[in-house]
Amino acid sequence: MIGLHKPMDESMKGHRQRLRERFLTSGFDGFHDYEILELLLGYVMLRIDVKPLAKRLLHHFTTLAGVFDAPIVELKQIQGMGESGAFFLSLVRQVEVRYLASELPGKPVFDCPEKVKAYLRLLLQGRGMECFGAIFTDQQHRLIAAEILFEGTVDRAAVYPRNVIKRALELDAKGMVLFHNHPGGTPQASSEDIDLTRRMAEASLLLDLKTLDHFLIAGTQVLSFKEHGWF
């Protein structure tokens, strides 16, 4: 794979250094998306010009989100990528998931809704199967745990409300925010989604457990059932 790349000359080394200096001065302000990938890949592909590779990645996966959400096996299929580069980009995404997750425990979920949405988007975006889970909270809506509870096919996950409520009781939770994804990216709750949410809310109230919301992750969007009048 290395032979597919153009070796770096002195001008390219200078270009890479200027990218780093721009980032140190103002973060990613003014960066093109391919330059962000170029900067990152430069740390694992030290002796080659990675700009063409960065542009190929964006051309194939369309967006930065598409690049970072791509499975390693798909990244490796891009000409010149190689295993180390694919692993590194996947690692960057997983670090961000863990970073956001580390910010949430013990904090009221409604005090940091954008962080909650960002965490769920990164957790579920790019998964090829439909997943269903819950964020469990205490009486003050502080996060106790966030868990994927069911995984299914590309368009359906079998969800058992009894098992969700059982897990909430095991954690001594007083509230929960449900979430699931639409792998196809359809940003609309189905009648089954809405009915499940209603049944879950009714059943949980009998056990002094409140269903606070339900988030739908569709592509890069995280949609609140409450905000959209679905719940």
Protein backbone atom coordinates (compact mmCIF):
# COMPACT_ATOMS: atom_id res chain seq x y z
CA MET A 1 0.00 0.00 0.00
CA ILE A 2 2.83 2.43 0.74
CA GLY A 3 3.81 2.42 -2.92
CA LEU A 4 0.51 4.06 -3.80
CA HIS A 5 1.54 7.22 -1.95
CA LYS A 6 3.80 10.02 -3.06
CA PRO A 7 6.85 10.25 -0.75
CA MET A 8 7.12 13.48 1.22
CA ASP A 9 9.59 16.10 0.08
CA GLU A 10 10.69 19.18 2.05
CA SER A 11 7.78 21.32 0.83
CA MET A 12 5.30 18.71 2.04
CA LYS A 13 7.03 18.54 5.42
CA GLY A 14 6.67 22.28 5.65
CA HIS A 15 2.99 22.03 4.73
CA ARG A 16 2.39 19.48 7.48
CA GLN A 17 4.15 21.69 10.01
CA ARG A 18 2.03 24.68 8.96
CA LEU A 19 -1.14 22.61 9.51
CA ARG A 20 0.02 21.85 13.05
CA GLU A 21 0.84 25.50 13.73
CA ARG A 22 -2.59 26.59 12.44
CA PHE A 23 -4.26 24.11 14.74
CA LEU A 24 -2.19 25.24 17.74
CA THR A 25 -3.11 28.85 17.02
CA SER A 26 -6.85 28.60 16.34
CA GLY A 27 -8.00 24.99 16.50
CA PHE A 28 -9.83 23.82 13.40
CA ASP A 29 -11.08 27.31 12.46
CA GLY A 30 -10.57 27.75 8.74
CA PHE A 31 -9.66 24.11 8.15
CA HIS A 32 -11.14 22.17 5.26
CA ASP A 33 -12.40 18.73 6.23
CA TYR A 34 -9.68 17.05 4.18
CA GLU A 35 -7.06 19.05 6.09
CA ILE A 36 -8.38 17.67 9.38
CA LEU A 37 -7.95 14.14 8.06
CA GLU A 38 -4.58 15.09 6.63
CA LEU A 39 -3.40 16.36 10.01
CA LEU A 40 -4.57 13.22 11.82
CA LEU A 41 -3.21 10.74 9.29
CA GLY A 42 0.14 12.52 9.38
CA TYR A 43 0.74 11.01 12.81
CA VAL A 44 0.55 7.43 11.55
CA MET A 45 1.83 7.88 7.97
CA LEU A 46 4.99 9.79 8.70
CA ARG A 47 6.91 9.71 5.43
CA ILE A 48 4.20 10.10 2.79
CA ASP A 49 1.92 12.81 1.47
CA VAL A 50 -1.53 11.98 2.88
CA LYS A 51 -3.49 14.83 1.28
CA PRO A 52 -4.64 12.69 -1.72
CA LEU A 53 -5.72 9.95 0.69
CA ALA A 54 -7.67 12.43 2.83
CA LYS A 55 -9.50 13.66 -0.26
CA ARG A 56 -10.23 10.08 -1.40
CA LEU A 57 -11.74 9.29 1.99
CA LEU A 58 -14.07 12.29 1.84
CA HIS A 59 -15.01 11.57 -1.74
CA HIS A 60 -15.95 8.00 -0.86
CA PHE A 61 -17.65 8.57 2.53
CA THR A 62 -18.99 12.08 1.70
CA THR A 63 -18.51 13.69 5.15
CA LEU A 64 -16.18 13.60 8.14
CA ALA A 65 -18.92 11.78 10.05
CA GLY A 66 -19.07 9.21 7.26
CA VAL A 67 -15.31 8.67 7.47
CA PHE A 68 -15.21 8.25 11.24
CA ASP A 69 -18.32 6.06 11.30
CA ALA A 70 -17.00 3.70 8.64
CA PRO A 71 -15.96 0.22 9.82
CA ILE A 72 -12.25 -0.54 9.68
CA VAL A 73 -12.83 -3.09 6.94
CA GLU A 74 -14.39 -0.41 4.71
CA LEU A 75 -11.68 2.15 5.48
CA LYS A 76 -9.00 -0.35 4.49
CA GLN A 77 -10.59 -0.68 1.05
CA ILE A 78 -9.72 2.93 0.20
CA GLN A 79 -6.65 3.05 -2.03
CA GLY A 80 -3.53 3.68 0.03
CA MET A 81 -5.24 3.54 3.42
CA GLY A 82 -3.68 0.50 5.05
CA GLU A 83 -4.48 -1.07 8.38
CA SER A 84 -2.67 1.41 10.63
CA GLY A 85 -4.51 4.43 9.21
CA ALA A 86 -7.89 2.69 9.36
CA PHE A 87 -7.26 1.63 12.95
CA PHE A 88 -6.19 5.14 13.93
CA LEU A 89 -9.33 6.83 12.55
CA SER A 90 -11.53 4.24 14.27
CA LEU A 91 -9.61 4.83 17.49
CA VAL A 92 -10.18 8.60 17.30
CA ARG A 93 -13.95 8.04 17.13
CA GLN A 94 -13.97 5.63 20.06
CA VAL A 95 -11.93 8.04 22.17
CA GLU A 96 -14.54 10.73 21.55
CA VAL A 97 -17.32 8.34 22.61
CA ARG A 98 -15.49 7.59 25.86
CA TYR A 99 -14.71 11.28 26.40
CA LEU A 100 -18.37 12.25 26.17
CA ALA A 101 -19.41 9.29 28.33
CA SER A 102 -16.95 10.37 31.03
CA GLU A 103 -18.60 13.81 31.16
CA LEU A 104 -22.10 12.49 31.90
CA PRO A 105 -22.20 10.29 35.05
CA GLY A 106 -23.57 12.05 38.11
CA LYS A 107 -24.83 15.06 36.14
CA PRO A 108 -28.50 15.88 35.42
CA VAL A 109 -29.14 14.80 31.82
CA PHE A 110 -31.27 17.88 31.13
CA ASP A 111 -28.44 20.19 32.22
CA CYS A 112 -26.28 18.96 29.33
CA PRO A 113 -28.72 17.86 26.61
CA GLU A 114 -26.33 18.59 23.75
CA LYS A 115 -23.64 16.39 25.29
CA VAL A 116 -26.20 13.61 25.77
CA LYS A 117 -27.26 13.90 22.14
CA ALA A 118 -23.66 14.00 20.93
CA TYR A 119 -22.86 10.91 22.97
CA LEU A 120 -25.84 8.99 21.60
CA ARG A 121 -25.07 10.04 18.04
CA LEU A 122 -21.51 8.79 18.30
CA LEU A 123 -22.60 5.63 20.11
CA LEU A 124 -25.15 4.58 17.48
CA GLN A 125 -24.29 6.40 14.26
CA GLY A 126 -22.90 4.08 11.64
CA ARG A 127 -24.26 0.89 13.20
CA GLY A 128 -25.81 -1.32 10.56
CA MET A 129 -28.35 -2.88 12.93
CA GLU A 130 -31.19 -1.29 14.85
CA CYS A 131 -30.35 -0.90 18.53
CA PHE A 132 -32.44 0.07 21.54
CA GLY A 133 -31.23 1.25 24.91
CA ALA A 134 -31.82 3.55 27.84
CA ILE A 135 -30.15 6.21 29.92
CA PHE A 136 -31.04 5.51 33.56
CA THR A 137 -31.17 8.37 36.06
CA ASP A 138 -31.75 8.96 39.76
CA GLN A 139 -34.48 11.12 41.34
CA GLN A 140 -32.65 14.32 40.35
CA HIS A 141 -32.27 13.07 36.74
CA ARG A 142 -28.53 12.49 37.25
CA LEU A 143 -27.12 9.82 34.99
CA ILE A 144 -26.49 6.41 36.52
CA ALA A 145 -25.81 4.38 33.39
CA ALA A 146 -26.37 4.38 29.63
CA GLU A 147 -26.74 0.95 28.05
CA ILE A 148 -27.64 -0.64 24.74
CA LEU A 149 -30.14 -3.33 25.75
CA PHE A 150 -31.29 -4.87 22.46
CA GLU A 151 -29.82 -5.29 19.00
CA GLY A 152 -31.70 -6.54 15.97
CA THR A 153 -31.72 -6.40 12.18
CA VAL A 154 -31.31 -3.50 9.77
CA ASP A 155 -34.89 -2.37 10.37
CA ARG A 156 -36.06 -3.91 13.64
CA ALA A 157 -34.94 -4.69 17.18
CA ALA A 158 -37.17 -6.82 19.40
CA VAL A 159 -37.72 -4.76 22.56
CA TYR A 160 -39.16 -6.23 25.75
CA PRO A 161 -40.40 -3.49 28.11
CA ARG A 162 -40.28 -5.90 31.04
CA ASN A 163 -36.51 -6.34 30.58
CA VAL A 164 -35.94 -2.59 30.35
CA ILE A 165 -37.86 -1.97 33.55
CA LYS A 166 -36.11 -4.89 35.25
CA ARG A 167 -32.74 -3.29 34.44
CA ALA A 168 -33.95 0.06 35.78
CA LEU A 169 -34.96 -1.58 39.07
CA GLU A 170 -31.59 -3.34 39.31
CA LEU A 171 -29.91 0.08 39.07
CA ASP A 172 -32.43 1.62 41.52
CA ALA A 173 -33.21 4.18 38.80
CA LYS A 174 -36.05 6.66 39.11
CA GLY A 175 -36.06 7.88 35.52
CA MET A 176 -35.02 6.76 32.08
CA VAL A 177 -34.45 8.25 28.66
CA LEU A 178 -35.05 5.68 25.94
CA PHE A 179 -33.09 5.74 22.69
CA HIS A 180 -32.90 3.79 19.45
CA ASN A 181 -31.52 4.25 15.96
CA HIS A 182 -32.80 4.04 12.41
CA PRO A 183 -29.87 2.60 10.42
CA GLY A 184 -31.48 3.79 7.19
CA GLY A 185 -31.45 7.36 8.48
CA THR A 186 -35.24 7.92 8.41
CA PRO A 187 -35.78 10.89 10.80
CA GLN A 188 -39.34 9.99 11.72
CA ALA A 189 -40.67 7.86 14.57
CA SER A 190 -42.85 4.98 13.39
CA SER A 191 -46.25 4.20 14.87
CA GLU A 192 -44.58 1.18 16.54
CA ASP A 193 -41.93 3.46 18.10
CA ILE A 194 -44.59 5.77 19.49
CA ASP A 195 -46.75 2.93 20.79
CA LEU A 196 -43.76 1.29 22.50
CA THR A 197 -42.85 4.58 24.18
CA ARG A 198 -46.41 5.03 25.45
CA ARG A 199 -46.58 1.47 26.80
CA MET A 200 -43.17 1.84 28.45
CA ALA A 201 -44.18 5.10 30.11
CA GLU A 202 -47.44 3.65 31.43
CA ALA A 203 -45.80 0.50 32.76
CA SER A 204 -42.92 2.32 34.42
CA LEU A 205 -45.20 4.75 36.30
CA LEU A 206 -46.69 1.85 38.23
CA LEU A 207 -43.22 1.25 39.69
CA ASP A 208 -42.42 4.88 40.51
CA LEU A 209 -40.18 5.06 37.45
CA LYS A 210 -40.60 7.93 35.01
CA THR A 211 -39.94 7.76 31.27
CA LEU A 212 -38.43 11.19 30.61
CA ASP A 213 -37.98 11.13 26.83
CA HIS A 214 -37.10 8.95 23.87
CA PHE A 215 -34.35 9.87 21.41
CA LEU A 216 -34.23 8.70 17.81
CA ILE A 217 -30.78 8.64 16.19
CA ALA A 218 -31.12 8.93 12.41
CA GLY A 219 -27.89 9.59 10.55
CA THR A 220 -26.33 12.64 12.15
CA GLN A 221 -29.62 13.74 13.75
CA VAL A 222 -30.74 13.05 17.31
CA LEU A 223 -34.46 13.74 17.61
CA SER A 224 -36.42 14.07 20.84
CA PHE A 225 -39.86 12.44 20.91
CA LYS A 226 -41.05 15.15 23.31
CA GLU A 227 -39.79 18.00 21.15
CA HIS A 228 -41.45 16.54 18.05
CA GLY A 229 -44.74 15.74 19.73
CA TRP A 230 -44.33 11.97 19.39
CA PHE A 231 -44.48 11.42 23.15
